[in-house]
């Protein structure tokens, strides 16, 4: 195994970060690092995918990880796993001694343990510089399903056609299922037994950072959870509040207590973000403190400031988000600097957020239930496969309406010289529509 084989496999199989923003894995693997970290921390409450795959596909995942360590000429591979993930931890412990280059790092059951920057600190005691990348501290982070996809690519030339999704909340049968990419969210929920209530809303992703769905969205390579909640649940209602209302509330009730700063995970790692300074500018219409606005670029969007810290129910994160977006669009970069361990806040360890407390605060205790891995087939009649499921440029369709395709067949290619990922058919069927954003396939055979 060498780096070229690893990179080419990730490239041809369309592998992207399965648990995050969808950064193309073949690009990430083209870097030299000292430590390869397998992220089995599952940052958000209710998500189950990584721990379940780790418990079932232990050999496959560790095999792929060990090959990566060799191919990347890294010094070690570390499986970062929470102490509460007993099945996964037992499975890894049982066979890890056969891999000289691999070891386990036990993580506390906190939020946001799975956040890349926090995870790297927990594992290596190194702080990724603000505005920097993990490779600057010699680290690379990949999540469990991404590495499993690499195993399938290396051994079976199998491209990414399905993704594992935890379906939980107000559903008849909470579970984790392999779902064909492009399946509608409603169909995926039906495969989990369907919703238990008629008046419901759906979050795609975790309860802290997930998106409230509004229409016929589909499962993509990065979908890890579908959370069905009553439409009057506070997590649903809070996502419907207009930014202008958030500003008015900040002007009315922000007490400048600085709790949003004191509990901010990035602030505790020494990054120059202080949400209370930003809130002070917003609440009082002050514009002279430019750094209060540019520091929004250091926000990781974890939501601790809103869901845990603020006793007034304000949302610094939601207010900072549009500023961060606009600054990025204008080409303004985060303040960069070299941060070292001595910059770590001396009270960080006492300010970490226990996952159990977070679940209670979010009103999700009743939904924090066993959601077993179920290998039943989810068989949609039609899939609508987005050409943009990753960071970079959308894939270019290479098929036409009326063509017959098989599962795993290439249907979208990367624009020449651009950052992107290949797209493959997730079902056998007929191409019924092709446009610049999606390719629709009608399933043929027994499941149509």
Protein backbone atom coordinates (compact mmCIF):
# COMPACT_ATOMS: atom_id res chain seq x y z
CA UNK A 1 0.00 0.00 0.00
CA UNK A 2 1.30 3.44 -0.93
CA UNK A 3 -0.02 6.98 -0.92
CA UNK A 4 -0.77 6.96 -4.67
CA UNK A 5 -3.04 3.92 -4.37
CA UNK A 6 -4.81 5.42 -1.38
CA UNK A 7 -5.39 8.78 -3.06
CA UNK A 8 -6.51 7.24 -6.37
CA UNK A 9 -8.98 4.96 -4.57
CA UNK A 10 -10.56 7.84 -2.67
CA UNK A 11 -10.67 9.86 -5.91
CA UNK A 12 -12.27 7.17 -8.07
CA UNK A 13 -14.76 6.07 -5.41
CA UNK A 14 -16.03 9.58 -4.69
CA UNK A 15 -15.15 9.39 -1.00
CA UNK A 16 -15.70 12.53 1.07
CA UNK A 17 -15.81 13.25 4.79
CA UNK A 18 -18.92 11.29 5.76
CA UNK A 19 -19.47 13.02 9.07
CA UNK A 20 -18.78 16.65 8.31
CA UNK A 21 -18.81 19.17 5.49
CA UNK A 22 -17.88 16.62 2.84
CA UNK A 23 -14.29 17.62 2.12
CA UNK A 24 -12.94 15.38 -0.69
CA UNK A 25 -10.87 12.67 0.98
CA UNK A 26 -8.41 12.26 -1.89
CA UNK A 27 -7.23 15.84 -1.31
CA UNK A 28 -6.89 15.36 2.43
CA UNK A 29 -4.85 12.18 1.92
CA UNK A 30 -2.30 14.07 -0.16
CA UNK A 31 -0.75 15.56 2.97
CA UNK A 32 2.04 14.21 5.14
CA UNK A 33 1.19 14.00 8.85
CA UNK A 34 2.51 12.44 12.03
CA UNK A 35 -0.81 11.33 13.52
CA UNK A 36 -3.90 9.93 11.83
CA UNK A 37 -6.90 10.24 14.14
CA UNK A 38 -10.00 8.09 13.72
CA UNK A 39 -12.92 10.13 15.03
CA UNK A 40 -15.33 7.84 16.85
CA UNK A 41 -16.60 10.57 19.18
CA UNK A 42 -19.88 11.51 17.48
CA UNK A 43 -20.00 15.15 18.41
CA UNK A 44 -23.77 15.53 18.76
CA UNK A 45 -26.42 13.90 20.97
CA UNK A 46 -28.65 11.11 19.56
CA UNK A 47 -26.27 10.18 16.73
CA UNK A 48 -25.24 6.52 16.67
CA UNK A 49 -23.59 5.76 13.33
CA UNK A 50 -19.87 5.83 14.14
CA UNK A 51 -20.01 3.80 17.34
CA UNK A 52 -22.24 1.19 15.68
CA UNK A 53 -20.05 0.81 12.61
CA UNK A 54 -16.98 0.63 14.86
CA UNK A 55 -18.54 -2.24 16.81
CA UNK A 56 -19.62 -4.22 13.73
CA UNK A 57 -16.88 -3.49 11.18
CA UNK A 58 -13.97 -3.34 13.61
CA UNK A 59 -11.57 -5.42 11.52
CA UNK A 60 -12.33 -3.59 8.27
CA UNK A 61 -11.92 -0.14 9.83
CA UNK A 62 -8.69 -0.95 11.68
CA UNK A 63 -7.26 -2.63 8.57
CA UNK A 64 -7.92 0.47 6.49
CA UNK A 65 -6.57 2.75 9.22
CA UNK A 66 -3.36 0.75 9.57
CA UNK A 67 -2.82 0.84 5.80
CA UNK A 68 -3.35 4.61 5.88
CA UNK A 69 -0.70 5.06 8.56
CA UNK A 70 1.80 3.19 6.38
CA UNK A 71 0.83 4.88 3.12
CA UNK A 72 0.95 8.37 4.63
CA UNK A 73 4.25 7.61 6.40
CA UNK A 74 2.65 8.65 9.67
CA UNK A 75 4.03 7.71 13.06
CA UNK A 76 0.78 6.44 14.54
CA UNK A 77 -2.94 5.99 14.14
CA UNK A 78 -5.16 6.78 17.11
CA UNK A 79 -8.74 5.61 17.58
CA UNK A 80 -10.45 8.38 19.55
CA UNK A 81 -13.49 6.90 21.24
CA UNK A 82 -15.73 7.90 24.13
CA UNK A 83 -15.62 5.86 27.32
CA UNK A 84 -19.40 5.34 27.15
CA UNK A 85 -19.29 3.54 23.79
CA UNK A 86 -18.87 0.14 25.44
CA UNK A 87 -19.58 -2.15 22.46
CA UNK A 88 -17.27 -0.25 20.13
CA UNK A 89 -14.57 0.07 22.77
CA UNK A 90 -14.68 -3.64 23.59
CA UNK A 91 -14.51 -4.57 19.90
CA UNK A 92 -11.49 -2.35 19.28
CA UNK A 93 -9.72 -3.44 22.46
CA UNK A 94 -10.10 -7.09 21.47
CA UNK A 95 -8.01 -6.82 18.29
CA UNK A 96 -5.95 -3.64 18.43
CA UNK A 97 -2.89 -5.46 19.79
CA UNK A 98 -2.41 -6.98 16.33
CA UNK A 99 -1.69 -3.52 14.91
CA UNK A 100 1.64 -2.08 16.06
CA UNK A 101 0.93 1.39 14.67
CA UNK A 102 -2.50 1.83 16.28
CA UNK A 103 -3.63 2.78 19.77
CA UNK A 104 -6.74 3.92 21.60
CA UNK A 105 -7.45 7.29 23.17
CA UNK A 106 -10.41 7.34 25.57
CA UNK A 107 -12.40 10.57 25.40
CA UNK A 108 -14.72 12.10 28.01
CA UNK A 109 -18.46 12.05 27.26
CA UNK A 110 -18.65 15.77 26.55
CA UNK A 111 -19.82 18.17 23.87
CA UNK A 112 -18.29 18.97 21.40
CA UNK A 113 -15.75 16.13 21.74
CA UNK A 114 -16.05 15.22 18.06
CA UNK A 115 -15.30 18.73 16.82
CA UNK A 116 -12.05 18.43 14.88
CA UNK A 117 -10.10 21.13 16.72
CA UNK A 118 -11.22 19.97 20.17
CA UNK A 119 -10.58 16.35 19.23
CA UNK A 120 -7.02 17.08 18.11
CA UNK A 121 -6.29 18.79 21.41
CA UNK A 122 -7.76 15.91 23.44
CA UNK A 123 -5.71 13.37 21.49
CA UNK A 124 -2.39 15.18 20.92
CA UNK A 125 -2.38 18.11 23.39
CA UNK A 126 -1.75 20.36 20.40
CA UNK A 127 -3.93 23.33 19.48
CA UNK A 128 -4.71 23.92 15.83
CA UNK A 129 -3.84 27.58 15.14
CA UNK A 130 -6.81 29.87 14.68
CA UNK A 131 -7.63 30.03 11.00
CA UNK A 132 -5.26 27.11 10.44
CA UNK A 133 -5.52 23.46 9.48
CA UNK A 134 -4.87 20.20 11.37
CA UNK A 135 -1.83 19.46 9.21
CA UNK A 136 -0.12 22.45 10.85
CA UNK A 137 0.09 20.38 14.04
CA UNK A 138 0.84 17.16 12.15
CA UNK A 139 -2.64 15.69 12.46
CA UNK A 140 -5.29 14.33 10.12
CA UNK A 141 -8.82 13.46 11.27
CA UNK A 142 -11.12 11.03 9.48
CA UNK A 143 -14.42 9.73 10.73
CA UNK A 144 -15.37 6.07 11.03
CA UNK A 145 -17.63 5.77 7.99
CA UNK A 146 -15.09 7.57 5.80
CA UNK A 147 -12.45 4.98 6.71
CA UNK A 148 -14.94 2.14 6.16
CA UNK A 149 -15.65 3.56 2.70
CA UNK A 150 -11.90 3.55 2.04
CA UNK A 151 -11.73 -0.12 3.02
CA UNK A 152 -14.52 -0.99 0.58
CA UNK A 153 -12.82 1.04 -2.12
CA UNK A 154 -9.39 -0.51 -1.57
CA UNK A 155 -10.65 -4.09 -1.40
CA UNK A 156 -13.72 -4.16 -3.65
CA UNK A 157 -13.41 -0.99 -5.80
CA UNK A 158 -16.78 -0.05 -4.33
CA UNK A 159 -17.74 3.62 -4.70
CA UNK A 160 -19.92 5.53 -2.24
CA UNK A 161 -23.55 4.76 -3.07
CA UNK A 162 -25.13 4.52 0.39
CA UNK A 163 -24.67 6.22 3.72
CA UNK A 164 -25.61 5.14 7.23
CA UNK A 165 -28.24 7.33 8.85
CA UNK A 166 -29.64 7.33 12.40
CA UNK A 167 -33.42 7.85 12.26
CA UNK A 168 -34.62 8.87 15.71
CA UNK A 169 -37.10 11.01 17.63
CA UNK A 170 -40.86 10.70 17.13
CA UNK A 171 -40.54 7.57 14.99
CA UNK A 172 -41.99 4.11 15.42
CA UNK A 173 -38.65 2.32 15.20
CA UNK A 174 -35.54 4.33 16.07
CA UNK A 175 -32.68 2.74 14.16
CA UNK A 176 -29.62 3.26 11.98
CA UNK A 177 -30.00 2.25 8.34
CA UNK A 178 -27.91 2.14 5.15
CA UNK A 179 -29.78 4.53 2.85
CA UNK A 180 -29.20 4.91 -0.92
CA UNK A 181 -27.90 8.40 -1.68
CA UNK A 182 -30.63 10.53 -3.21
CA UNK A 183 -33.45 8.90 -1.24
CA UNK A 184 -36.00 11.43 -0.04
CA UNK A 185 -35.92 12.17 3.67
CA UNK A 186 -39.58 11.13 4.00
CA UNK A 187 -38.80 7.74 2.46
CA UNK A 188 -35.82 7.28 4.80
CA UNK A 189 -38.05 8.02 7.80
CA UNK A 190 -40.64 5.57 6.48
CA UNK A 191 -37.89 2.92 6.37
CA UNK A 192 -37.47 3.61 10.08
CA UNK A 193 -41.11 2.77 10.74
CA UNK A 194 -42.49 6.22 10.00
CA UNK A 195 -43.35 9.17 12.22
CA UNK A 196 -45.56 8.65 15.28
CA UNK A 197 -47.24 12.03 14.97
CA UNK A 198 -48.78 13.94 12.08
CA UNK A 199 -47.52 17.37 13.09
CA UNK A 200 -43.76 16.98 12.98
CA UNK A 201 -40.61 18.65 11.73
CA UNK A 202 -37.30 17.11 10.70
CA UNK A 203 -33.75 18.04 11.60
CA UNK A 204 -31.02 16.76 9.30
CA UNK A 205 -27.86 16.33 11.33
CA UNK A 206 -27.49 16.79 15.07
CA UNK A 207 -29.78 18.78 17.36
CA UNK A 208 -27.12 21.44 17.94
CA UNK A 209 -25.93 22.14 14.41
CA UNK A 210 -28.46 20.35 12.22
CA UNK A 211 -30.68 21.97 9.61
CA UNK A 212 -34.47 22.27 9.78
CA UNK A 213 -35.83 20.75 6.58
CA UNK A 214 -38.50 22.50 4.55
CA UNK A 215 -39.29 20.35 1.54
CA UNK A 216 -38.31 17.22 -0.37
CA UNK A 217 -34.67 17.14 0.73
CA UNK A 218 -32.69 13.98 0.08
CA UNK A 219 -30.05 11.92 1.84
CA UNK A 220 -26.50 12.79 0.74
CA UNK A 221 -23.02 11.41 1.41
CA UNK A 222 -22.75 13.55 4.55
CA UNK A 223 -26.17 12.83 6.10
CA UNK A 224 -25.71 11.16 9.49
CA UNK A 225 -29.04 11.66 11.24
CA UNK A 226 -32.70 12.47 10.70
CA UNK A 227 -34.36 13.64 13.90
CA UNK A 228 -38.16 13.77 13.88
CA UNK A 229 -39.54 16.22 16.45
CA UNK A 230 -42.97 17.68 17.26
CA UNK A 231 -43.40 20.96 15.38
CA UNK A 232 -43.73 22.79 18.70
CA UNK A 233 -40.45 21.45 20.10
CA UNK A 234 -38.11 24.23 21.20
CA UNK A 235 -35.35 23.08 18.84
CA UNK A 236 -37.76 23.50 15.94
CA UNK A 237 -39.19 26.83 17.09
CA UNK A 238 -35.76 28.34 17.74
CA UNK A 239 -34.73 27.63 14.15
CA UNK A 240 -37.73 29.56 12.84
CA UNK A 241 -36.87 32.82 14.60
CA UNK A 242 -35.88 35.63 12.24
CA UNK A 243 -32.42 37.22 12.70
CA UNK A 244 -34.08 40.62 13.24
CA UNK A 245 -35.93 39.19 16.24
CA UNK A 246 -32.67 37.85 17.69
CA UNK A 247 -31.18 41.35 17.40
CA UNK A 248 -34.15 42.98 19.12
CA UNK A 249 -33.98 40.47 21.97
CA UNK A 250 -30.24 41.07 22.35
CA UNK A 251 -30.88 44.82 22.54
CA UNK A 252 -33.52 44.21 25.18
CA UNK A 253 -32.15 41.58 27.55
CA UNK A 254 -28.40 40.91 27.01
CA UNK A 255 -26.86 41.45 30.44
CA UNK A 256 -23.21 41.22 29.31
CA UNK A 257 -22.60 38.40 31.77
CA UNK A 258 -19.97 36.91 29.36
CA UNK A 259 -21.15 33.33 29.94
CA UNK A 260 -21.26 32.85 26.15
CA UNK A 261 -17.54 33.57 26.08
CA UNK A 262 -16.64 31.66 29.23
CA UNK A 263 -18.14 28.42 27.87
CA UNK A 264 -17.14 28.86 24.22
CA UNK A 265 -15.05 25.79 23.21
CA UNK A 266 -12.86 27.83 20.86
CA UNK A 267 -12.24 30.54 23.47
CA UNK A 268 -11.23 27.86 25.97
CA UNK A 269 -8.65 26.63 23.46
CA UNK A 270 -7.09 30.08 23.27
CA UNK A 271 -8.66 31.31 20.05
CA UNK A 272 -9.49 35.00 19.89
CA UNK A 273 -13.27 34.76 19.93
CA UNK A 274 -15.33 36.48 22.63
CA UNK A 275 -19.04 36.29 21.78
CA UNK A 276 -20.01 38.68 24.58
CA UNK A 277 -18.03 41.47 22.88
CA UNK A 278 -19.94 40.88 19.67
CA UNK A 279 -23.25 40.85 21.57
CA UNK A 280 -22.34 44.17 23.19
CA UNK A 281 -21.83 45.75 19.76
CA UNK A 282 -25.12 44.36 18.48
CA UNK A 283 -27.13 45.28 21.57
CA UNK A 284 -25.91 48.89 21.65
CA UNK A 285 -25.36 49.61 17.96
CA UNK A 286 -21.62 50.09 18.42
CA UNK A 287 -19.42 49.68 15.35
CA UNK A 288 -16.02 51.01 16.44
CA UNK A 289 -14.79 47.64 17.77
CA UNK A 290 -14.00 46.03 14.41
CA UNK A 291 -12.44 42.95 15.99
CA UNK A 292 -15.73 42.13 17.70
CA UNK A 293 -17.10 41.50 14.21
CA UNK A 294 -14.08 39.91 12.52
CA UNK A 295 -13.69 37.47 15.40
CA UNK A 296 -16.96 35.85 14.27
CA UNK A 297 -14.81 34.01 11.71
CA UNK A 298 -13.44 31.93 14.60
CA UNK A 299 -16.92 30.66 15.53
CA UNK A 300 -17.28 26.91 14.91
CA UNK A 301 -21.09 27.03 15.10
CA UNK A 302 -21.35 24.51 17.95
CA UNK A 303 -24.26 26.35 19.61
CA UNK A 304 -23.00 26.11 23.20
CA UNK A 305 -23.51 29.86 23.62
CA UNK A 306 -27.21 29.57 22.79
CA UNK A 307 -28.26 26.16 24.08
CA UNK A 308 -26.23 26.05 27.31
CA UNK A 309 -24.52 29.32 28.23
CA UNK A 310 -27.07 32.12 27.84
CA UNK A 311 -29.54 32.36 30.72
CA UNK A 312 -31.67 34.74 28.61
CA UNK A 313 -32.03 32.32 25.71
CA UNK A 314 -30.15 34.56 23.29
CA UNK A 315 -28.22 33.13 20.36
CA UNK A 316 -24.81 34.70 19.72
CA UNK A 317 -24.07 31.92 17.25
CA UNK A 318 -27.12 32.65 15.08
CA UNK A 319 -26.30 36.36 15.10
CA UNK A 320 -22.64 35.76 14.27
CA UNK A 321 -23.42 33.37 11.43
CA UNK A 322 -24.51 35.98 8.83
CA UNK A 323 -21.56 38.23 9.74
CA UNK A 324 -19.20 35.31 9.33
CA UNK A 325 -20.73 34.44 5.96
CA UNK A 326 -20.52 38.00 4.65
CA UNK A 327 -16.93 38.45 5.80
CA UNK A 328 -15.94 35.19 4.09
CA UNK A 329 -17.66 36.28 0.89
CA UNK A 330 -15.58 39.46 0.98
CA UNK A 331 -12.40 37.41 1.22
CA UNK A 332 -11.68 38.32 4.84
CA UNK A 333 -9.81 35.55 6.66
CA UNK A 334 -9.75 34.67 10.39
CA UNK A 335 -7.01 36.25 12.47
CA UNK A 336 -4.13 33.81 12.31
CA UNK A 337 -1.55 33.16 14.97
CA UNK A 338 0.39 30.33 16.53
CA UNK A 339 -1.34 28.99 19.61
CA UNK A 340 0.45 26.75 22.05
CA UNK A 341 -0.59 24.77 25.06
CA UNK A 342 0.19 27.63 27.46
CA UNK A 343 -2.58 29.64 25.76
CA UNK A 344 -5.17 27.10 26.89
CA UNK A 345 -7.64 28.60 29.35
CA UNK A 346 -6.73 27.43 32.84
CA UNK A 347 -10.36 26.54 33.62
CA UNK A 348 -11.10 24.65 30.41
CA UNK A 349 -11.42 21.22 31.98
CA UNK A 350 -13.97 22.46 34.51
CA UNK A 351 -16.08 24.12 31.80
CA UNK A 352 -16.56 21.14 29.51
CA UNK A 353 -20.23 20.32 28.79
CA UNK A 354 -21.37 16.82 29.91
CA UNK A 355 -23.42 15.15 27.17
CA UNK A 356 -26.13 14.13 29.64
CA UNK A 357 -26.61 17.72 30.76
CA UNK A 358 -26.83 18.84 27.15
CA UNK A 359 -29.48 16.25 26.31
CA UNK A 360 -31.59 17.40 29.26
CA UNK A 361 -31.18 21.06 28.32
CA UNK A 362 -32.27 20.35 24.75
CA UNK A 363 -35.42 18.52 25.84
CA UNK A 364 -34.28 15.29 24.17
CA UNK A 365 -34.14 12.86 27.09
CA UNK A 366 -37.11 10.82 25.84
CA UNK A 367 -35.45 10.40 22.43
CA UNK A 368 -32.06 9.29 23.76
CA UNK A 369 -32.90 5.63 23.21
CA UNK A 370 -31.30 2.57 21.66
CA UNK A 371 -31.40 2.92 17.87
CA UNK A 372 -29.90 -0.37 16.67
CA UNK A 373 -28.06 -0.84 13.40
CA UNK A 374 -30.55 -2.44 10.99
CA UNK A 375 -29.40 -3.80 7.64
CA UNK A 376 -32.86 -3.96 6.09
CA UNK A 377 -33.00 -2.56 2.58
CA UNK A 378 -34.47 0.90 2.10
CA UNK A 379 -35.86 0.71 -1.42
CA UNK A 380 -36.95 4.03 -2.93
CA UNK A 381 -38.86 4.21 -6.22
CA UNK A 382 -36.85 7.22 -7.36
CA UNK A 383 -33.60 8.78 -6.17
CA UNK A 384 -32.65 12.40 -6.74
CA UNK A 385 -28.87 12.55 -6.52
CA UNK A 386 -27.35 16.01 -5.93
CA UNK A 387 -24.22 16.86 -7.87
CA UNK A 388 -23.00 19.03 -4.98
CA UNK A 389 -22.54 16.83 -1.90
CA UNK A 390 -19.08 18.05 -1.03
CA UNK A 391 -16.85 21.07 -0.62
CA UNK A 392 -15.74 22.36 -4.00
CA UNK A 393 -17.35 22.48 -7.43
CA UNK A 394 -20.48 20.47 -8.34
CA UNK A 395 -19.88 17.34 -10.37
CA UNK A 396 -20.60 17.51 -14.11
CA UNK A 397 -23.27 15.05 -15.37
CA UNK A 398 -21.90 12.45 -17.79
CA UNK A 399 -25.23 10.66 -18.38
CA UNK A 400 -28.33 11.57 -20.35
CA UNK A 401 -32.04 11.08 -19.91
CA UNK A 402 -33.18 7.60 -20.92
CA UNK A 403 -29.89 5.86 -20.16
CA UNK A 404 -29.86 2.73 -18.00
CA UNK A 405 -27.39 2.70 -15.11
CA UNK A 406 -26.31 0.23 -12.47
CA UNK A 407 -25.46 0.80 -8.82
CA UNK A 408 -21.93 2.15 -8.56
CA UNK A 409 -21.76 3.45 -12.13
CA UNK A 410 -20.18 6.88 -12.55
CA UNK A 411 -22.81 9.52 -13.37
CA UNK A 412 -21.06 12.77 -12.37
CA UNK A 413 -17.39 13.68 -12.81
CA UNK A 414 -15.13 16.34 -11.31
CA UNK A 415 -14.59 19.47 -13.42
CA UNK A 416 -11.03 19.42 -14.75
CA UNK A 417 -8.55 21.00 -12.35
CA UNK A 418 -11.21 21.74 -9.73
CA UNK A 419 -11.82 20.61 -6.16
CA UNK A 420 -14.69 18.13 -6.10
CA UNK A 421 -15.82 14.51 -5.87
CA UNK A 422 -17.18 11.93 -8.29
CA UNK A 423 -20.85 10.94 -8.06
CA UNK A 424 -22.10 7.39 -8.64
CA UNK A 425 -25.54 5.85 -9.15
CA UNK A 426 -26.97 4.56 -5.87
CA UNK A 427 -29.54 2.25 -7.53
CA UNK A 428 -30.13 0.28 -10.72
CA UNK A 429 -32.50 2.17 -12.96
CA UNK A 430 -33.28 4.63 -15.73
CA UNK A 431 -32.12 8.23 -15.84
CA UNK A 432 -35.35 10.27 -15.95
CA UNK A 433 -33.95 13.77 -15.50
CA UNK A 434 -30.58 15.49 -15.68
CA UNK A 435 -29.86 19.11 -14.86
CA UNK A 436 -27.02 21.19 -13.46
CA UNK A 437 -27.83 20.30 -9.84
CA UNK A 438 -29.32 16.78 -9.76
CA UNK A 439 -29.63 13.48 -11.57
CA UNK A 440 -32.90 11.60 -11.06
CA UNK A 441 -33.04 7.82 -11.43
CA UNK A 442 -36.20 5.69 -11.50
CA UNK A 443 -35.48 2.35 -9.86
CA UNK A 444 -36.04 -0.78 -11.91
CA UNK A 445 -36.54 -4.35 -10.79
CA UNK A 446 -38.39 -5.83 -7.83
CA UNK A 447 -38.11 -2.66 -5.75
CA UNK A 448 -39.51 -0.24 -8.31
